[in-house]
C-alpha atoms as a PDB file:
ATOM      1  CA  MET A   1      -1.446 -32.723 -18.400  1.00  0.00           C
ATOM      2  CA  ASN A   2      -1.471 -34.020 -21.811  1.00  0.00           C
ATOM      3  CA  SER A   3      -2.162 -31.766 -24.910  1.00  0.00           C
ATOM      4  CA  ALA A   4      -5.782 -32.563 -25.131  1.00  0.00           C
ATOM      5  CA  GLN A   5      -6.343 -31.423 -21.633  1.00  0.00           C
ATOM      6  CA  VAL A   6      -4.212 -28.141 -22.254  1.00  0.00           C
ATOM      7  CA  ASP A   7      -6.185 -27.619 -25.396  1.00  0.00           C
ATOM      8  CA  ALA A   8      -9.613 -28.025 -23.528  1.00  0.00           C
ATOM      9  CA  TYR A   9      -8.474 -25.819 -20.625  1.00  0.00           C
ATOM     10  CA  LEU A  10      -7.300 -23.114 -23.014  1.00  0.00           C
ATOM     11  CA  SER A  11     -10.511 -23.353 -24.974  1.00  0.00           C
ATOM     12  CA  ARG A  12     -12.606 -22.830 -21.997  1.00  0.00           C
ATOM     13  CA  LEU A  13     -10.667 -19.663 -21.006  1.00  0.00           C
ATOM     14  CA  GLY A  14     -11.001 -18.507 -24.788  1.00  0.00           C
ATOM     15  CA  VAL A  15      -7.137 -18.256 -25.231  1.00  0.00           C
ATOM     16  CA  ARG A  16      -4.725 -19.583 -28.059  1.00  0.00           C
ATOM     17  CA  HIS A  17      -2.089 -21.822 -27.378  1.00  0.00           C
ATOM     18  CA  PRO A  18       0.997 -19.572 -26.412  1.00  0.00           C
ATOM     19  CA  ALA A  19       4.397 -19.944 -28.119  1.00  0.00           C
ATOM     20  CA  TRP A  20       6.370 -19.067 -24.912  1.00  0.00           C
ATOM     21  CA  PRO A  21       5.597 -18.789 -21.234  1.00  0.00           C
ATOM     22  CA  THR A  22       6.041 -15.044 -21.027  1.00  0.00           C
ATOM     23  CA  ILE A  23       4.621 -12.397 -18.602  1.00  0.00           C
ATOM     24  CA  ASP A  24       2.258 -11.134 -21.212  1.00  0.00           C
ATOM     25  CA  VAL A  25       0.849 -14.399 -21.757  1.00  0.00           C
ATOM     26  CA  LEU A  26       0.513 -15.057 -17.816  1.00  0.00           C
ATOM     27  CA  ARG A  27      -1.277 -11.620 -17.465  1.00  0.00           C
ATOM     28  CA  GLU A  28      -3.886 -12.707 -20.281  1.00  0.00           C
ATOM     29  CA  LEU A  29      -4.262 -16.309 -18.718  1.00  0.00           C
ATOM     30  CA  GLN A  30      -4.895 -14.920 -15.266  1.00  0.00           C
ATOM     31  CA  LEU A  31      -7.501 -12.312 -16.414  1.00  0.00           C
ATOM     32  CA  ARG A  32      -9.267 -14.807 -18.509  1.00  0.00           C
ATOM     33  CA  HIS A  33      -9.413 -17.286 -15.613  1.00  0.00           C
ATOM     34  CA  LEU A  34     -10.904 -15.023 -13.212  1.00  0.00           C
ATOM     35  CA  GLN A  35     -13.491 -13.839 -15.900  1.00  0.00           C
ATOM     36  CA  THR A  36     -14.558 -17.451 -17.039  1.00  0.00           C
ATOM     37  CA  VAL A  37     -13.910 -19.817 -14.096  1.00  0.00           C
ATOM     38  CA  PRO A  38     -16.033 -18.836 -11.121  1.00  0.00           C
ATOM     39  CA  PHE A  39     -14.609 -18.733  -7.343  1.00  0.00           C
ATOM     40  CA  GLU A  40     -17.342 -20.884  -5.798  1.00  0.00           C
ATOM     41  CA  ASN A  41     -18.045 -23.290  -2.895  1.00  0.00           C
ATOM     42  CA  LEU A  42     -21.131 -25.117  -4.083  1.00  0.00           C
ATOM     43  CA  ALA A  43     -19.442 -28.455  -3.859  1.00  0.00           C
ATOM     44  CA  ILE A  44     -19.643 -28.225  -0.081  1.00  0.00           C
ATOM     45  CA  HIS A  45     -23.425 -27.625  -0.065  1.00  0.00           C
ATOM     46  CA  LEU A  46     -24.241 -30.187  -2.754  1.00  0.00           C
ATOM     47  CA  GLY A  47     -22.459 -32.892  -0.854  1.00  0.00           C
ATOM     48  CA  GLU A  48     -19.719 -33.278  -3.500  1.00  0.00           C
ATOM     49  CA  GLU A  49     -16.283 -34.678  -2.649  1.00  0.00           C
ATOM     50  CA  ILE A  50     -13.393 -32.422  -2.925  1.00  0.00           C
ATOM     51  CA  VAL A  51     -10.373 -34.159  -4.009  1.00  0.00           C
ATOM     52  CA  LEU A  52      -6.992 -32.436  -4.526  1.00  0.00           C
ATOM     53  CA  GLU A  53      -5.593 -34.550  -7.217  1.00  0.00           C
ATOM     54  CA  GLU A  54      -4.675 -33.046 -10.691  1.00  0.00           C
ATOM     55  CA  LYS A  55      -6.832 -35.276 -12.799  1.00  0.00           C
ATOM     56  CA  ARG A  56     -10.057 -34.743 -10.390  1.00  0.00           C
ATOM     57  CA  LEU A  57      -9.294 -30.775 -10.329  1.00  0.00           C
ATOM     58  CA  LEU A  58      -9.168 -30.853 -14.380  1.00  0.00           C
ATOM     59  CA  ASP A  59     -12.237 -33.104 -14.486  1.00  0.00           C
ATOM     60  CA  LYS A  60     -14.240 -30.662 -12.517  1.00  0.00           C
ATOM     61  CA  VAL A  61     -12.725 -27.234 -13.843  1.00  0.00           C
ATOM     62  CA  VAL A  62     -12.449 -28.248 -17.438  1.00  0.00           C
ATOM     63  CA  GLY A  63     -14.624 -31.344 -18.073  1.00  0.00           C
ATOM     64  CA  ALA A  64     -17.573 -30.190 -15.864  1.00  0.00           C
ATOM     65  CA  ARG A  65     -16.825 -26.484 -16.352  1.00  0.00           C
ATOM     66  CA  ARG A  66     -17.221 -25.706 -12.756  1.00  0.00           C
ATOM     67  CA  GLY A  67     -15.458 -23.370 -10.472  1.00  0.00           C
ATOM     68  CA  GLY A  68     -13.940 -24.121  -6.985  1.00  0.00           C
ATOM     69  CA  PHE A  69     -11.992 -22.315  -4.158  1.00  0.00           C
ATOM     70  CA  CYS A  70      -8.486 -21.680  -3.821  1.00  0.00           C
ATOM     71  CA  TYR A  71      -7.113 -25.220  -3.631  1.00  0.00           C
ATOM     72  CA  GLU A  72      -9.006 -26.407  -6.613  1.00  0.00           C
ATOM     73  CA  LEU A  73      -8.637 -23.229  -8.832  1.00  0.00           C
ATOM     74  CA  ASN A  74      -5.094 -22.550  -8.160  1.00  0.00           C
ATOM     75  CA  GLY A  75      -4.321 -26.221  -8.298  1.00  0.00           C
ATOM     76  CA  ALA A  76      -5.556 -26.443 -11.632  1.00  0.00           C
ATOM     77  CA  PHE A  77      -4.300 -23.339 -13.010  1.00  0.00           C
ATOM     78  CA  GLY A  78      -0.785 -24.207 -11.592  1.00  0.00           C
ATOM     79  CA  ALA A  79      -0.937 -27.571 -13.517  1.00  0.00           C
ATOM     80  CA  LEU A  80      -1.845 -25.540 -16.796  1.00  0.00           C
ATOM     81  CA  LEU A  81       0.940 -23.050 -16.377  1.00  0.00           C
ATOM     82  CA  ALA A  82       3.470 -25.880 -15.834  1.00  0.00           C
ATOM     83  CA  ALA A  83       2.215 -27.714 -18.859  1.00  0.00           C
ATOM     84  CA  LEU A  84       2.740 -24.570 -20.779  1.00  0.00           C
ATOM     85  CA  GLY A  85       6.345 -24.219 -19.731  1.00  0.00           C
ATOM     86  CA  TYR A  86       6.188 -21.995 -16.688  1.00  0.00           C
ATOM     87  CA  ASP A  87       8.242 -22.805 -13.577  1.00  0.00           C
ATOM     88  CA  VAL A  88       5.485 -23.089 -10.996  1.00  0.00           C
ATOM     89  CA  SER A  89       5.578 -23.568  -7.206  1.00  0.00           C
ATOM     90  CA  LEU A  90       2.769 -23.906  -4.839  1.00  0.00           C
ATOM     91  CA  LEU A  91       2.854 -21.675  -1.887  1.00  0.00           C
ATOM     92  CA  ALA A  92       0.958 -21.891   1.354  1.00  0.00           C
ATOM     93  CA  GLY A  93      -0.866 -18.766   2.706  1.00  0.00           C
ATOM     94  CA  ARG A  94      -2.548 -17.752   5.880  1.00  0.00           C
ATOM     95  CA  VAL A  95      -5.373 -15.140   5.389  1.00  0.00           C
ATOM     96  CA  HIS A  96      -5.175 -11.980   7.846  1.00  0.00           C
ATOM     97  CA  GLY A  97      -8.518 -11.897   9.671  1.00  0.00           C
ATOM     98  CA  GLU A  98     -10.015  -9.369  12.144  1.00  0.00           C
ATOM     99  CA  GLY A  99      -7.614  -7.930  14.661  1.00  0.00           C
ATOM    100  CA  GLY A 100      -4.539  -9.359  12.622  1.00  0.00           C
ATOM    101  CA  ARG A 101      -5.486 -12.871  13.354  1.00  0.00           C
ATOM    102  CA  LEU A 102      -4.142 -15.234  10.876  1.00  0.00           C
ATOM    103  CA  GLY A 103      -6.108 -18.251   9.619  1.00  0.00           C
ATOM    104  CA  ILE A 104      -5.106 -21.911   9.830  1.00  0.00           C
ATOM    105  CA  PRO A 105      -2.062 -23.372   8.302  1.00  0.00           C
ATOM    106  CA  TYR A 106      -2.380 -24.078   4.633  1.00  0.00           C
ATOM    107  CA  ASP A 107      -5.353 -21.674   4.793  1.00  0.00           C
ATOM    108  CA  HIS A 108      -4.832 -20.669   1.145  1.00  0.00           C
ATOM    109  CA  LEU A 109      -2.888 -21.863  -1.982  1.00  0.00           C
ATOM    110  CA  ALA A 110      -1.096 -19.503  -4.286  1.00  0.00           C
ATOM    111  CA  LEU A 111       1.370 -19.778  -7.084  1.00  0.00           C
ATOM    112  CA  ARG A 112       4.846 -18.457  -7.564  1.00  0.00           C
ATOM    113  CA  VAL A 113       5.374 -18.496 -11.434  1.00  0.00           C
ATOM    114  CA  ARG A 114       8.735 -17.784 -13.117  1.00  0.00           C
ATOM    115  CA  THR A 115       8.364 -16.517 -16.715  1.00  0.00           C
ATOM    116  CA  VAL A 116      11.058 -16.660 -19.339  1.00  0.00           C
ATOM    117  CA  ASP A 117      11.349 -13.011 -19.818  1.00  0.00           C
ATOM    118  CA  ALA A 118      10.376 -11.154 -16.594  1.00  0.00           C
ATOM    119  CA  GLY A 119      11.434 -13.036 -13.381  1.00  0.00           C
ATOM    120  CA  GLU A 120       8.944 -14.383 -10.518  1.00  0.00           C
ATOM    121  CA  TRP A 121       5.400 -13.544 -10.166  1.00  0.00           C
ATOM    122  CA  LEU A 122       2.359 -14.281  -7.835  1.00  0.00           C
ATOM    123  CA  ALA A 123      -0.329 -15.622  -9.697  1.00  0.00           C
ATOM    124  CA  ASP A 124      -3.819 -16.027  -7.858  1.00  0.00           C
ATOM    125  CA  VAL A 125      -7.021 -17.060  -9.494  1.00  0.00           C
ATOM    126  CA  GLY A 126      -8.508 -18.648  -6.142  1.00  0.00           C
ATOM    127  CA  PHE A 127      -9.071 -15.841  -3.723  1.00  0.00           C
ATOM    128  CA  GLY A 128     -12.243 -14.314  -5.023  1.00  0.00           C
ATOM    129  CA  ALA A 129     -11.573 -10.592  -5.443  1.00  0.00           C
ATOM    130  CA  LEU A 130      -7.951  -9.734  -5.474  1.00  0.00           C
ATOM    131  CA  SER A 131      -5.465  -8.621  -8.210  1.00  0.00           C
ATOM    132  CA  HIS A 132      -6.657  -8.913 -11.765  1.00  0.00           C
ATOM    133  CA  TYR A 133      -3.077  -9.515 -13.005  1.00  0.00           C
ATOM    134  CA  PRO A 134       0.029 -11.317 -11.636  1.00  0.00           C
ATOM    135  CA  LEU A 135       2.108  -9.240  -9.217  1.00  0.00           C
ATOM    136  CA  VAL A 136       6.056  -9.320  -9.418  1.00  0.00           C
ATOM    137  CA  PHE A 137       7.688 -10.467  -6.360  1.00  0.00           C
ATOM    138  CA  GLU A 138       9.646  -7.420  -5.377  1.00  0.00           C
ATOM    139  CA  GLU A 139       9.670  -6.096  -1.769  1.00  0.00           C
ATOM    140  CA  GLY A 140       8.236  -2.744  -1.060  1.00  0.00           C
ATOM    141  CA  ARG A 141       7.293  -1.712  -4.592  1.00  0.00           C
ATOM    142  CA  GLU A 142       3.708  -0.427  -4.928  1.00  0.00           C
ATOM    143  CA  GLN A 143       1.796  -2.159  -7.800  1.00  0.00           C
ATOM    144  CA  GLU A 144      -1.044  -0.498  -9.234  1.00  0.00           C
ATOM    145  CA  ASP A 145      -3.850  -3.097 -10.656  1.00  0.00           C
ATOM    146  CA  PRO A 146      -7.672  -2.677 -11.118  1.00  0.00           C
ATOM    147  CA  GLY A 147      -8.173  -4.588  -7.850  1.00  0.00           C
ATOM    148  CA  GLY A 148      -6.030  -2.056  -5.779  1.00  0.00           C
ATOM    149  CA  ALA A 149      -2.638  -1.078  -5.063  1.00  0.00           C
ATOM    150  CA  PHE A 150      -0.332  -4.041  -3.992  1.00  0.00           C
ATOM    151  CA  ARG A 151       2.781  -4.476  -2.488  1.00  0.00           C
ATOM    152  CA  PHE A 152       4.978  -7.215  -0.713  1.00  0.00           C
ATOM    153  CA  ALA A 153       6.179  -6.589   2.621  1.00  0.00           C
ATOM    154  CA  GLN A 154       8.510  -8.798   4.966  1.00  0.00           C
ATOM    155  CA  ALA A 155       6.625 -10.351   7.863  1.00  0.00           C
ATOM    156  CA  GLY A 156       7.927 -11.165  11.324  1.00  0.00           C
ATOM    157  CA  PRO A 157      10.599  -9.213  13.476  1.00  0.00           C
ATOM    158  CA  ASP A 158      13.430 -10.321  11.540  1.00  0.00           C
ATOM    159  CA  ALA A 159      12.341  -8.097   8.364  1.00  0.00           C
ATOM    160  CA  ALA A 160      15.438  -5.788   8.391  1.00  0.00           C
ATOM    161  CA  GLY A 161      17.617  -8.539   7.787  1.00  0.00           C
ATOM    162  CA  ALA A 162      15.996 -10.924   5.428  1.00  0.00           C
ATOM    163  CA  ARG A 163      13.819  -9.094   2.986  1.00  0.00           C
ATOM    164  CA  GLY A 164      16.168  -9.881  -0.273  1.00  0.00           C
ATOM    165  CA  ALA A 165      16.356 -13.466   0.761  1.00  0.00           C
ATOM    166  CA  VAL A 166      12.649 -13.986   0.517  1.00  0.00           C
ATOM    167  CA  LEU A 167      11.790 -12.558  -2.696  1.00  0.00           C
ATOM    168  CA  ALA A 168      14.890 -13.790  -4.527  1.00  0.00           C
ATOM    169  CA  GLY A 169      15.288 -17.193  -3.058  1.00  0.00           C
ATOM    170  CA  GLY A 170      12.195 -18.801  -1.467  1.00  0.00           C
ATOM    171  CA  GLY A 171      14.134 -21.847  -0.016  1.00  0.00           C
ATOM    172  CA  ALA A 172      13.358 -23.492   3.183  1.00  0.00           C
ATOM    173  CA  GLY A 173      13.997 -21.498   6.271  1.00  0.00           C
ATOM    174  CA  THR A 174      13.372 -18.009   4.543  1.00  0.00           C
ATOM    175  CA  PRO A 175      11.058 -15.862   6.423  1.00  0.00           C
ATOM    176  CA  ASP A 176       7.283 -15.247   5.351  1.00  0.00           C
ATOM    177  CA  VAL A 177       5.897 -12.298   3.234  1.00  0.00           C
ATOM    178  CA  ASP A 178       2.674 -10.388   3.542  1.00  0.00           C
ATOM    179  CA  LEU A 179       0.875  -9.418   0.416  1.00  0.00           C
ATOM    180  CA  VAL A 180      -0.634  -5.975   1.301  1.00  0.00           C
ATOM    181  CA  ARG A 181      -3.659  -4.368  -0.706  1.00  0.00           C
ATOM    182  CA  ASP A 182      -4.248  -0.525  -0.200  1.00  0.00           C
ATOM    183  CA  GLY A 183      -2.465  -0.544   2.922  1.00  0.00           C
ATOM    184  CA  SER A 184      -3.885  -3.609   4.609  1.00  0.00           C
ATOM    185  CA  PRO A 185      -2.416  -6.945   4.871  1.00  0.00           C
ATOM    186  CA  VAL A 186      -4.487  -9.660   2.779  1.00  0.00           C
ATOM    187  CA  TYR A 187      -2.609 -12.846   3.435  1.00  0.00           C
ATOM    188  CA  ARG A 188       0.869 -14.162   4.548  1.00  0.00           C
ATOM    189  CA  LEU A 189       2.721 -16.485   2.475  1.00  0.00           C
ATOM    190  CA  GLU A 190       5.416 -19.121   3.280  1.00  0.00           C
ATOM    191  CA  MET A 191       8.059 -19.032   0.462  1.00  0.00           C
ATOM    192  CA  ARG A 192       8.978 -22.624   0.748  1.00  0.00           C
ATOM    193  CA  PRO A 193       7.568 -24.704  -2.079  1.00  0.00           C
ATOM    194  CA  ARG A 194       4.638 -27.165  -1.450  1.00  0.00           C
ATOM    195  CA  VAL A 195       3.028 -29.960  -3.210  1.00  0.00           C
ATOM    196  CA  LEU A 196      -0.727 -30.235  -3.817  1.00  0.00           C
ATOM    197  CA  ARG A 197      -1.187 -33.119  -0.943  1.00  0.00           C
ATOM    198  CA  ASP A 198       0.126 -30.536   1.485  1.00  0.00           C
ATOM    199  CA  PHE A 199      -3.118 -28.771   1.280  1.00  0.00           C
ATOM    200  CA  VAL A 200      -5.477 -31.575   1.900  1.00  0.00           C
ATOM    201  CA  ALA A 201      -6.007 -31.064   5.784  1.00  0.00           C
ATOM    202  CA  GLY A 202      -6.644 -27.266   5.045  1.00  0.00           C
ATOM    203  CA  ALA A 203      -9.100 -28.142   2.201  1.00  0.00           C
ATOM    204  CA  TRP A 204     -10.784 -30.516   4.392  1.00  0.00           C
ATOM    205  CA  TRP A 205     -11.103 -28.179   7.405  1.00  0.00           C
ATOM    206  CA  HIS A 206     -12.514 -25.262   5.010  1.00  0.00           C
ATOM    207  CA  SER A 207     -15.138 -27.869   3.616  1.00  0.00           C
ATOM    208  CA  THR A 208     -16.325 -29.402   7.012  1.00  0.00           C
ATOM    209  CA  SER A 209     -15.694 -27.190  10.064  1.00  0.00           C
ATOM    210  CA  PRO A 210     -18.635 -25.229  11.335  1.00  0.00           C
ATOM    211  CA  GLU A 211     -16.135 -22.429  11.887  1.00  0.00           C
ATOM    212  CA  SER A 212     -15.248 -22.156   8.213  1.00  0.00           C
ATOM    213  CA  HIS A 213     -17.058 -19.208   6.337  1.00  0.00           C
ATOM    214  CA  PHE A 214     -17.200 -21.704   3.525  1.00  0.00           C
ATOM    215  CA  VAL A 215     -19.357 -23.947   5.411  1.00  0.00           C
ATOM    216  CA  GLN A 216     -21.370 -21.150   6.719  1.00  0.00           C
ATOM    217  CA  SER A 217     -22.451 -19.434   3.516  1.00  0.00           C
ATOM    218  CA  LEU A 218     -22.834 -20.047  -0.269  1.00  0.00           C
ATOM    219  CA  VAL A 219     -20.820 -18.046  -2.797  1.00  0.00           C
ATOM    220  CA  CYS A 220     -20.294 -18.025  -6.552  1.00  0.00           C
ATOM    221  CA  SER A 221     -18.423 -15.045  -8.104  1.00  0.00           C
ATOM    222  CA  ARG A 222     -16.485 -14.033 -11.019  1.00  0.00           C
ATOM    223  CA  LEU A 223     -14.762 -11.026 -12.590  1.00  0.00           C
ATOM    224  CA  THR A 224     -16.893  -9.554 -15.434  1.00  0.00           C
ATOM    225  CA  GLU A 225     -15.315  -8.488 -18.810  1.00  0.00           C
ATOM    226  CA  ASP A 226     -15.679  -4.815 -17.991  1.00  0.00           C
ATOM    227  CA  GLY A 227     -13.685  -5.155 -14.893  1.00  0.00           C
ATOM    228  CA  GLY A 228     -16.636  -5.243 -12.291  1.00  0.00           C
ATOM    229  CA  ARG A 229     -17.756  -8.537 -10.543  1.00  0.00           C
ATOM    230  CA  ILE A 230     -20.763 -10.575 -10.379  1.00  0.00           C
ATOM    231  CA  THR A 231     -21.685 -12.496  -7.115  1.00  0.00           C
ATOM    232  CA  LEU A 232     -24.422 -14.778  -6.108  1.00  0.00           C
ATOM    233  CA  SER A 233     -24.392 -15.098  -2.383  1.00  0.00           C
ATOM    234  CA  GLY A 234     -27.007 -17.366  -1.211  1.00  0.00           C
ATOM    235  CA  ARG A 235     -29.892 -15.959  -3.085  1.00  0.00           C
ATOM    236  CA  GLN A 236     -28.659 -12.384  -3.287  1.00  0.00           C
ATOM    237  CA  LEU A 237     -27.437 -11.445  -6.571  1.00  0.00           C
ATOM    238  CA  LYS A 238     -24.788  -8.390  -6.644  1.00  0.00           C
ATOM    239  CA  VAL A 239     -23.342  -6.787  -9.742  1.00  0.00           C
ATOM    240  CA  THR A 240     -20.483  -4.351  -9.130  1.00  0.00           C
ATOM    241  CA  ALA A 241     -19.513  -1.891 -11.675  1.00  0.00           C
ATOM    242  CA  PRO A 242     -15.846  -1.145 -12.194  1.00  0.00           C
ATOM    243  CA  ASP A 243     -16.501   2.175 -10.232  1.00  0.00           C
ATOM    244  CA  GLY A 244     -17.668   0.376  -7.333  1.00  0.00           C
ATOM    245  CA  LYS A 245     -21.512   1.122  -7.689  1.00  0.00           C
ATOM    246  CA  ARG A 246     -23.542  -2.021  -6.811  1.00  0.00           C
ATOM    247  CA  ASP A 247     -26.875  -3.251  -7.529  1.00  0.00           C
ATOM    248  CA  ALA A 248     -28.402  -5.965  -5.592  1.00  0.00           C
ATOM    249  CA  ARG A 249     -31.539  -7.888  -5.749  1.00  0.00           C
ATOM    250  CA  GLU A 250     -33.016 -11.168  -4.291  1.00  0.00           C
ATOM    251  CA  VAL A 251     -33.449 -14.207  -6.369  1.00  0.00           C
ATOM    252  CA  ARG A 252     -36.651 -15.685  -5.140  1.00  0.00           C
ATOM    253  CA  THR A 253     -37.277 -18.912  -6.885  1.00  0.00           C
ATOM    254  CA  ASP A 254     -35.323 -21.986  -7.325  1.00  0.00           C
ATOM    255  CA  GLU A 255     -35.791 -21.706 -11.153  1.00  0.00           C
ATOM    256  CA  GLU A 256     -34.323 -18.379 -11.012  1.00  0.00           C
ATOM    257  CA  VAL A 257     -31.345 -19.503  -9.056  1.00  0.00           C
ATOM    258  CA  LEU A 258     -30.594 -22.251 -11.249  1.00  0.00           C
ATOM    259  CA  ALA A 259     -30.964 -19.882 -14.198  1.00  0.00           C
ATOM    260  CA  VAL A 260     -28.500 -17.320 -12.799  1.00  0.00           C
ATOM    261  CA  TYR A 261     -25.899 -20.089 -12.293  1.00  0.00           C
ATOM    262  CA  ARG A 262     -26.322 -21.193 -15.888  1.00  0.00           C
ATOM    263  CA  GLU A 263     -26.644 -17.947 -17.485  1.00  0.00           C
ATOM    264  CA  ARG A 264     -24.203 -15.813 -15.655  1.00  0.00           C
ATOM    265  CA  PHE A 265     -21.728 -18.261 -14.510  1.00  0.00           C
ATOM    266  CA  GLY A 266     -21.929 -21.152 -17.090  1.00  0.00           C
ATOM    267  CA  ILE A 267     -22.721 -23.514 -14.194  1.00  0.00           C
ATOM    268  CA  GLY A 268     -25.536 -26.173 -14.993  1.00  0.00           C
ATOM    269  CA  LEU A 269     -26.934 -27.711 -11.919  1.00  0.00           C
ATOM    270  CA  ASP A 270     -29.875 -29.988 -11.368  1.00  0.00           C
ATOM    271  CA  ARG A 271     -30.746 -28.756  -7.850  1.00  0.00           C
ATOM    272  CA  VAL A 272     -30.202 -25.632  -5.769  1.00  0.00           C
ATOM    273  CA  PRO A 273     -27.297 -25.970  -3.337  1.00  0.00           C
ATOM    274  CA  VAL A 274     -28.414 -25.520   0.295  1.00  0.00           C
ATOM    275  CA  VAL A 275     -26.152 -24.245   3.220  1.00  0.00           C
ATOM    276  CA  ARG A 276     -25.377 -27.073   5.521  1.00  0.00           C
ATOM    277  CA  GLY A 277     -27.575 -27.032   8.646  1.00  0.00           C
ATOM    278  CA  SER A 278     -29.796 -24.196   7.454  1.00  0.00           C
ATOM    279  CA  GLY A 279     -32.850 -26.217   7.171  1.00  0.00           C
ATOM    280  CA  GLY A 280     -33.663 -25.862   3.686  1.00  0.00           C
ATOM    281  CA  GLY A 281     -32.644 -22.195   2.706  1.00  0.00           C
ATOM    282  CA  GLU A 282     -29.915 -19.482   2.906  1.00  0.00           C
ATOM    283  CA  ASP A 283     -32.044 -16.751   4.553  1.00  0.00           C
END
């Protein structure tokens, strides 16, 4: 990223250019990213190509003021953090599903970020609803966050002998680690660093497979400034307060749908996205 791209990205987030890559700055950047850049899969249902290249991601997230899903959001955010002086590694994750079943390889992209003052952290702006702030890589420690109580737990049968190696090193051959929220595993991370092109097959599967929930439905969601969440799922608009109370209503006309995207998410569209194979609607 060049300096103009960095400035434009920070301007979108509403953040001043930081002096040092500290944990306090990382906390601010992650929170503002979650509040201003929506988690959305609209490209899939608008017939837009998803390209995992830094310039294309920045063109979309910064230039076009759009959002994206994990590969795009964390890919772009990782580029910004690296440009600001953080040591950033891309990590591959597999999301825990029903019955403990794990998702496909390269199911998720998350970031391992080293700060100058506070060690290594998990930063993730591409999972939808997760932690509001980065989580320190420290096995077993309960970390309270507005998004829940999080901890890292060693995955696999060899947990007793390898926990320290994973969270301290993260080289090839180290065991995987689970991110747990409120007692339930969220996703499993491989601690070996990856590059963006490694995730191309995962992004292709999630944007084309009939089994992918991103193909099956429409979503656009962001954290609100008060700590709640606003989500447009198909034509249902849901506003969740910080205390968990939810208000939901149906958005009936195309004009209203486009207005919600524009006014509540900052996304200007010239047509309403339609779920693939739905025959013209999301209902």
